[in-house]
Amino acid sequence: EGDGEAACALQTGPESLSPSLSASLARAHAMPSPHKDVANVLYGEDEIAARVGALAKRIAADFAGKRPLILGVLKGCFMFFSDLCRAVDPVPDGCEVHFVRASSYEGKTTESNQ
């Protein structure tokens, strides 16, 4: 379920949403906004922590007995990535954590450097 489903619902009405997206949107309207500039909260802290924990558990299982390189793309990943790396348990032997910074091609215009 991606943004396309939510966009479709805006045009056709909430009855066109999948049950899980409908439930998420219903929760979002029930959650208080953490900041005056935030209109809706789609996923609460507990939901995010549970999903990060599930991803970490899968990484630990999939890479047991291997030497994984867990690579985070800066700058946007830092908080999520640190939570994910801390949750991987057991940490596979020889596991490495690195960061890479990506940028657009030199001389090209992006939204951030217009």
N, C-alpha and C. Protein backbone atom coordinates (compact mmCIF):
# COMPACT_ATOMS: atom_id res chain seq x y z
N GLU A 1 0.85 -1.16 0.00
CA GLU A 1 0.00 0.00 0.00
C GLU A 1 0.89 1.22 0.00
N GLY A 2 0.81 1.97 -1.03
CA GLY A 2 1.67 3.13 -1.13
C GLY A 2 0.86 4.39 -1.24
N ASP A 3 1.54 5.44 -1.61
CA ASP A 3 0.90 6.74 -1.73
C ASP A 3 -0.19 6.74 -2.79
N GLY A 4 -0.05 5.89 -3.80
CA GLY A 4 -1.05 5.83 -4.85
C GLY A 4 -2.41 5.44 -4.31
N GLU A 5 -2.44 4.53 -3.36
CA GLU A 5 -3.71 4.09 -2.78
C GLU A 5 -4.37 5.23 -2.01
N ALA A 6 -3.56 5.97 -1.25
CA ALA A 6 -4.11 7.10 -0.50
C ALA A 6 -4.60 8.18 -1.44
N ALA A 7 -3.85 8.44 -2.53
CA ALA A 7 -4.27 9.45 -3.49
C ALA A 7 -5.57 9.03 -4.15
N CYS A 8 -5.70 7.75 -4.46
CA CYS A 8 -6.93 7.23 -5.05
C CYS A 8 -8.10 7.44 -4.10
N ALA A 9 -7.88 7.23 -2.82
CA ALA A 9 -8.94 7.37 -1.83
C ALA A 9 -9.40 8.82 -1.75
N LEU A 10 -8.49 9.75 -1.97
CA LEU A 10 -8.88 11.15 -1.93
C LEU A 10 -9.86 11.46 -3.05
N GLN A 11 -9.73 10.76 -4.16
CA GLN A 11 -10.60 10.99 -5.30
C GLN A 11 -11.89 10.19 -5.22
N THR A 12 -11.81 8.96 -4.71
CA THR A 12 -12.97 8.08 -4.75
C THR A 12 -13.65 7.88 -3.40
N GLY A 13 -13.01 8.29 -2.33
CA GLY A 13 -13.61 8.14 -1.02
C GLY A 13 -12.93 7.07 -0.20
N PRO A 14 -13.05 7.12 1.12
CA PRO A 14 -12.34 6.20 2.01
C PRO A 14 -12.76 4.74 1.85
N GLU A 15 -13.91 4.48 1.28
CA GLU A 15 -14.33 3.09 1.13
C GLU A 15 -13.46 2.32 0.15
N SER A 16 -12.66 3.02 -0.68
CA SER A 16 -11.79 2.35 -1.64
C SER A 16 -10.46 1.93 -1.04
N LEU A 17 -10.20 2.26 0.21
CA LEU A 17 -8.93 1.93 0.87
C LEU A 17 -8.91 0.48 1.33
N SER A 18 -7.70 -0.07 1.38
CA SER A 18 -7.56 -1.40 1.96
C SER A 18 -7.84 -1.30 3.46
N PRO A 19 -8.21 -2.39 4.11
CA PRO A 19 -8.49 -2.35 5.54
C PRO A 19 -7.32 -1.85 6.38
N SER A 20 -6.09 -2.25 6.03
CA SER A 20 -4.95 -1.83 6.85
C SER A 20 -4.67 -0.34 6.70
N LEU A 21 -4.80 0.21 5.49
CA LEU A 21 -4.58 1.64 5.32
C LEU A 21 -5.72 2.42 5.96
N SER A 22 -6.93 1.92 5.88
CA SER A 22 -8.06 2.58 6.55
C SER A 22 -7.83 2.64 8.05
N ALA A 23 -7.33 1.54 8.62
CA ALA A 23 -7.06 1.50 10.06
C ALA A 23 -5.96 2.49 10.43
N SER A 24 -4.91 2.57 9.60
CA SER A 24 -3.83 3.51 9.86
C SER A 24 -4.33 4.95 9.83
N LEU A 25 -5.15 5.26 8.84
CA LEU A 25 -5.67 6.62 8.74
C LEU A 25 -6.60 6.94 9.91
N ALA A 26 -7.38 5.97 10.35
CA ALA A 26 -8.26 6.18 11.50
C ALA A 26 -7.45 6.45 12.75
N ARG A 27 -6.36 5.69 12.93
CA ARG A 27 -5.49 5.93 14.08
C ARG A 27 -4.85 7.31 13.99
N ALA A 28 -4.48 7.71 12.79
CA ALA A 28 -3.82 9.01 12.60
C ALA A 28 -4.72 10.14 13.06
N HIS A 29 -6.00 10.04 12.80
CA HIS A 29 -6.91 11.09 13.21
C HIS A 29 -7.15 11.08 14.71
N ALA A 30 -6.87 9.96 15.35
CA ALA A 30 -7.06 9.86 16.79
C ALA A 30 -5.82 10.29 17.57
N MET A 31 -4.65 10.32 16.91
CA MET A 31 -3.41 10.66 17.59
C MET A 31 -3.23 12.16 17.67
N PRO A 32 -2.81 12.65 18.82
CA PRO A 32 -2.54 14.08 18.93
C PRO A 32 -1.31 14.44 18.12
N SER A 33 -1.32 15.63 17.55
CA SER A 33 -0.18 16.10 16.78
C SER A 33 0.96 16.47 17.71
N PRO A 34 2.20 16.02 17.41
CA PRO A 34 3.33 16.34 18.28
C PRO A 34 3.84 17.77 18.08
N HIS A 35 3.39 18.43 17.04
CA HIS A 35 3.89 19.76 16.73
C HIS A 35 2.82 20.52 15.96
N LYS A 36 2.79 21.82 16.14
CA LYS A 36 1.74 22.63 15.50
C LYS A 36 1.80 22.56 13.98
N ASP A 37 2.95 22.25 13.40
CA ASP A 37 3.07 22.17 11.94
C ASP A 37 2.74 20.79 11.37
N VAL A 38 2.41 19.83 12.23
CA VAL A 38 2.10 18.47 11.80
C VAL A 38 0.58 18.31 11.82
N ALA A 39 0.00 18.05 10.65
CA ALA A 39 -1.45 17.91 10.55
C ALA A 39 -1.94 16.55 11.06
N ASN A 40 -1.27 15.47 10.65
CA ASN A 40 -1.69 14.11 11.01
C ASN A 40 -0.47 13.27 11.37
N VAL A 41 -0.65 12.34 12.27
CA VAL A 41 0.36 11.34 12.58
C VAL A 41 -0.16 10.02 12.04
N LEU A 42 0.53 9.47 11.05
CA LEU A 42 0.06 8.23 10.44
C LEU A 42 0.45 7.00 11.25
N TYR A 43 1.65 7.00 11.82
CA TYR A 43 2.11 5.86 12.59
C TYR A 43 2.69 6.37 13.90
N GLY A 44 2.26 5.79 14.99
CA GLY A 44 2.75 6.19 16.30
C GLY A 44 4.10 5.61 16.61
N GLU A 45 4.70 6.10 17.68
CA GLU A 45 6.03 5.65 18.08
C GLU A 45 6.08 4.14 18.33
N ASP A 46 5.06 3.59 18.96
CA ASP A 46 5.04 2.15 19.24
C ASP A 46 4.96 1.32 17.96
N GLU A 47 4.17 1.78 16.99
CA GLU A 47 4.06 1.06 15.72
C GLU A 47 5.39 1.07 14.97
N ILE A 48 6.05 2.22 14.96
CA ILE A 48 7.33 2.32 14.28
C ILE A 48 8.37 1.44 14.96
N ALA A 49 8.42 1.49 16.29
CA ALA A 49 9.38 0.67 17.05
C ALA A 49 9.14 -0.82 16.80
N ALA A 50 7.89 -1.23 16.71
CA ALA A 50 7.58 -2.64 16.46
C ALA A 50 8.06 -3.06 15.07
N ARG A 51 7.86 -2.20 14.08
CA ARG A 51 8.28 -2.53 12.71
C ARG A 51 9.80 -2.56 12.61
N VAL A 52 10.48 -1.60 13.26
CA VAL A 52 11.95 -1.60 13.28
C VAL A 52 12.46 -2.87 13.94
N GLY A 53 11.83 -3.28 15.04
CA GLY A 53 12.22 -4.52 15.72
C GLY A 53 12.04 -5.73 14.83
N ALA A 54 10.95 -5.77 14.07
CA ALA A 54 10.72 -6.89 13.16
C ALA A 54 11.76 -6.93 12.05
N LEU A 55 12.11 -5.77 11.51
CA LEU A 55 13.15 -5.70 10.48
C LEU A 55 14.49 -6.15 11.03
N ALA A 56 14.83 -5.71 12.24
CA ALA A 56 16.09 -6.08 12.87
C ALA A 56 16.16 -7.58 13.12
N LYS A 57 15.05 -8.16 13.55
CA LYS A 57 15.00 -9.61 13.79
C LYS A 57 15.25 -10.37 12.49
N ARG A 58 14.66 -9.88 11.41
CA ARG A 58 14.84 -10.55 10.11
C ARG A 58 16.29 -10.41 9.63
N ILE A 59 16.89 -9.24 9.83
CA ILE A 59 18.29 -9.05 9.44
C ILE A 59 19.17 -10.03 10.21
N ALA A 60 18.95 -10.14 11.52
CA ALA A 60 19.74 -11.06 12.35
C ALA A 60 19.60 -12.50 11.85
N ALA A 61 18.38 -12.90 11.50
CA ALA A 61 18.15 -14.27 11.03
C ALA A 61 18.73 -14.49 9.63
N ASP A 62 18.49 -13.55 8.71
CA ASP A 62 18.95 -13.70 7.33
C ASP A 62 20.47 -13.70 7.22
N PHE A 63 21.14 -12.99 8.13
CA PHE A 63 22.59 -12.86 8.02
C PHE A 63 23.35 -13.64 9.09
N ALA A 64 22.69 -14.54 9.78
CA ALA A 64 23.37 -15.39 10.77
C ALA A 64 24.43 -16.21 10.04
N GLY A 65 25.65 -16.21 10.59
CA GLY A 65 26.74 -16.96 9.97
C GLY A 65 27.38 -16.25 8.79
N LYS A 66 26.96 -15.04 8.51
CA LYS A 66 27.53 -14.26 7.40
C LYS A 66 28.16 -13.00 7.97
N ARG A 67 28.85 -12.25 7.14
CA ARG A 67 29.48 -10.99 7.56
C ARG A 67 28.82 -9.83 6.82
N PRO A 68 27.68 -9.38 7.26
CA PRO A 68 26.96 -8.34 6.52
C PRO A 68 27.60 -6.96 6.67
N LEU A 69 27.41 -6.15 5.65
CA LEU A 69 27.74 -4.74 5.69
C LEU A 69 26.41 -4.01 5.65
N ILE A 70 26.08 -3.33 6.73
CA ILE A 70 24.83 -2.59 6.81
C ILE A 70 25.16 -1.15 6.44
N LEU A 71 24.56 -0.67 5.35
CA LEU A 71 24.92 0.61 4.78
C LEU A 71 23.76 1.59 4.86
N GLY A 72 24.00 2.72 5.48
CA GLY A 72 22.99 3.76 5.59
C GLY A 72 23.32 4.91 4.67
N VAL A 73 22.30 5.45 4.00
CA VAL A 73 22.50 6.59 3.09
C VAL A 73 22.16 7.87 3.85
N LEU A 74 23.19 8.72 4.04
CA LEU A 74 23.01 9.99 4.74
C LEU A 74 22.32 10.98 3.83
N LYS A 75 21.68 11.92 4.34
CA LYS A 75 21.58 12.33 5.71
C LYS A 75 20.28 11.83 6.32
N GLY A 76 19.33 11.49 5.52
CA GLY A 76 18.00 11.19 6.02
C GLY A 76 17.84 9.94 6.85
N CYS A 77 18.77 9.01 6.78
CA CYS A 77 18.58 7.73 7.44
C CYS A 77 19.03 7.69 8.88
N PHE A 78 19.74 8.67 9.35
CA PHE A 78 20.49 8.54 10.60
C PHE A 78 19.67 8.03 11.78
N MET A 79 18.55 8.64 12.12
CA MET A 79 17.80 8.24 13.31
C MET A 79 17.21 6.83 13.14
N PHE A 80 16.57 6.58 12.00
CA PHE A 80 16.02 5.26 11.74
C PHE A 80 17.12 4.20 11.74
N PHE A 81 18.20 4.51 11.04
CA PHE A 81 19.30 3.56 10.89
C PHE A 81 19.93 3.20 12.22
N SER A 82 20.10 4.19 13.09
CA SER A 82 20.70 3.90 14.40
C SER A 82 19.76 3.03 15.23
N ASP A 83 18.47 3.29 15.19
CA ASP A 83 17.50 2.44 15.90
C ASP A 83 17.54 1.01 15.36
N LEU A 84 17.58 0.90 14.04
CA LEU A 84 17.61 -0.43 13.41
C LEU A 84 18.87 -1.20 13.81
N CYS A 85 20.03 -0.56 13.72
CA CYS A 85 21.29 -1.24 14.04
C CYS A 85 21.34 -1.67 15.50
N ARG A 86 20.83 -0.84 16.39
CA ARG A 86 20.82 -1.20 17.82
C ARG A 86 19.89 -2.37 18.09
N ALA A 87 18.86 -2.53 17.27
CA ALA A 87 17.88 -3.59 17.51
C ALA A 87 18.29 -4.95 16.94
N VAL A 88 19.29 -4.98 16.07
CA VAL A 88 19.73 -6.26 15.50
C VAL A 88 20.37 -7.10 16.62
N ASP A 89 19.75 -8.24 16.92
CA ASP A 89 20.21 -9.08 18.01
C ASP A 89 19.85 -10.52 17.70
N PRO A 90 20.79 -11.41 17.65
CA PRO A 90 22.21 -11.20 17.89
C PRO A 90 22.87 -10.54 16.68
N VAL A 91 23.91 -9.77 16.96
CA VAL A 91 24.66 -9.12 15.89
C VAL A 91 25.50 -10.18 15.20
N PRO A 92 25.36 -10.32 13.87
CA PRO A 92 26.17 -11.32 13.17
C PRO A 92 27.66 -11.02 13.34
N ASP A 93 28.47 -12.07 13.53
CA ASP A 93 29.92 -11.90 13.66
C ASP A 93 30.47 -11.20 12.43
N GLY A 94 31.35 -10.24 12.65
CA GLY A 94 31.98 -9.53 11.55
C GLY A 94 31.12 -8.48 10.90
N CYS A 95 29.97 -8.21 11.47
CA CYS A 95 29.04 -7.22 10.91
C CYS A 95 29.72 -5.84 10.91
N GLU A 96 29.57 -5.12 9.82
CA GLU A 96 30.09 -3.76 9.72
C GLU A 96 28.96 -2.80 9.42
N VAL A 97 29.08 -1.60 9.96
CA VAL A 97 28.10 -0.55 9.72
C VAL A 97 28.83 0.64 9.11
N HIS A 98 28.34 1.11 7.99
CA HIS A 98 28.96 2.25 7.31
C HIS A 98 27.86 3.18 6.80
N PHE A 99 28.29 4.38 6.47
CA PHE A 99 27.40 5.37 5.88
C PHE A 99 27.97 5.83 4.55
N VAL A 100 27.09 6.20 3.67
CA VAL A 100 27.49 6.79 2.40
C VAL A 100 26.62 8.03 2.20
N ARG A 101 27.19 9.02 1.58
CA ARG A 101 26.44 10.25 1.30
C ARG A 101 26.26 10.34 -0.21
N ALA A 102 25.04 10.44 -0.63
CA ALA A 102 24.73 10.53 -2.05
C ALA A 102 24.41 11.97 -2.42
N SER A 103 24.74 12.31 -3.63
CA SER A 103 24.38 13.63 -4.14
C SER A 103 24.05 13.51 -5.61
N SER A 104 23.43 14.56 -6.12
CA SER A 104 23.07 14.54 -7.54
C SER A 104 24.33 14.73 -8.38
N TYR A 105 24.22 14.49 -9.65
CA TYR A 105 25.36 14.68 -10.54
C TYR A 105 25.79 16.14 -10.53
N GLU A 106 27.08 16.36 -10.59
CA GLU A 106 27.62 17.72 -10.56
C GLU A 106 27.05 18.53 -11.72
N GLY A 107 26.65 19.74 -11.39
CA GLY A 107 26.13 20.64 -12.41
C GLY A 107 24.64 20.50 -12.67
N LYS A 108 24.02 19.51 -12.10
CA LYS A 108 22.57 19.32 -12.26
C LYS A 108 21.84 20.06 -11.17
N THR A 109 20.67 20.57 -11.46
CA THR A 109 19.87 21.29 -10.48
C THR A 109 18.94 20.33 -9.78
N THR A 110 18.88 20.45 -8.46
CA THR A 110 17.94 19.68 -7.66
C THR A 110 17.11 20.66 -6.85
N GLU A 111 16.08 20.17 -6.21
CA GLU A 111 15.23 21.05 -5.38
C GLU A 111 16.04 21.73 -4.29
N SER A 112 17.06 21.06 -3.77
CA SER A 112 17.81 21.62 -2.65
C SER A 112 18.85 22.65 -3.07
N ASN A 113 19.22 22.68 -4.34
CA ASN A 113 20.24 23.67 -4.74
C ASN A 113 19.78 24.58 -5.87
N GLN A 114 18.51 24.77 -6.03
CA GLN A 114 18.00 25.64 -7.10
C GLN A 114 18.38 27.08 -6.85
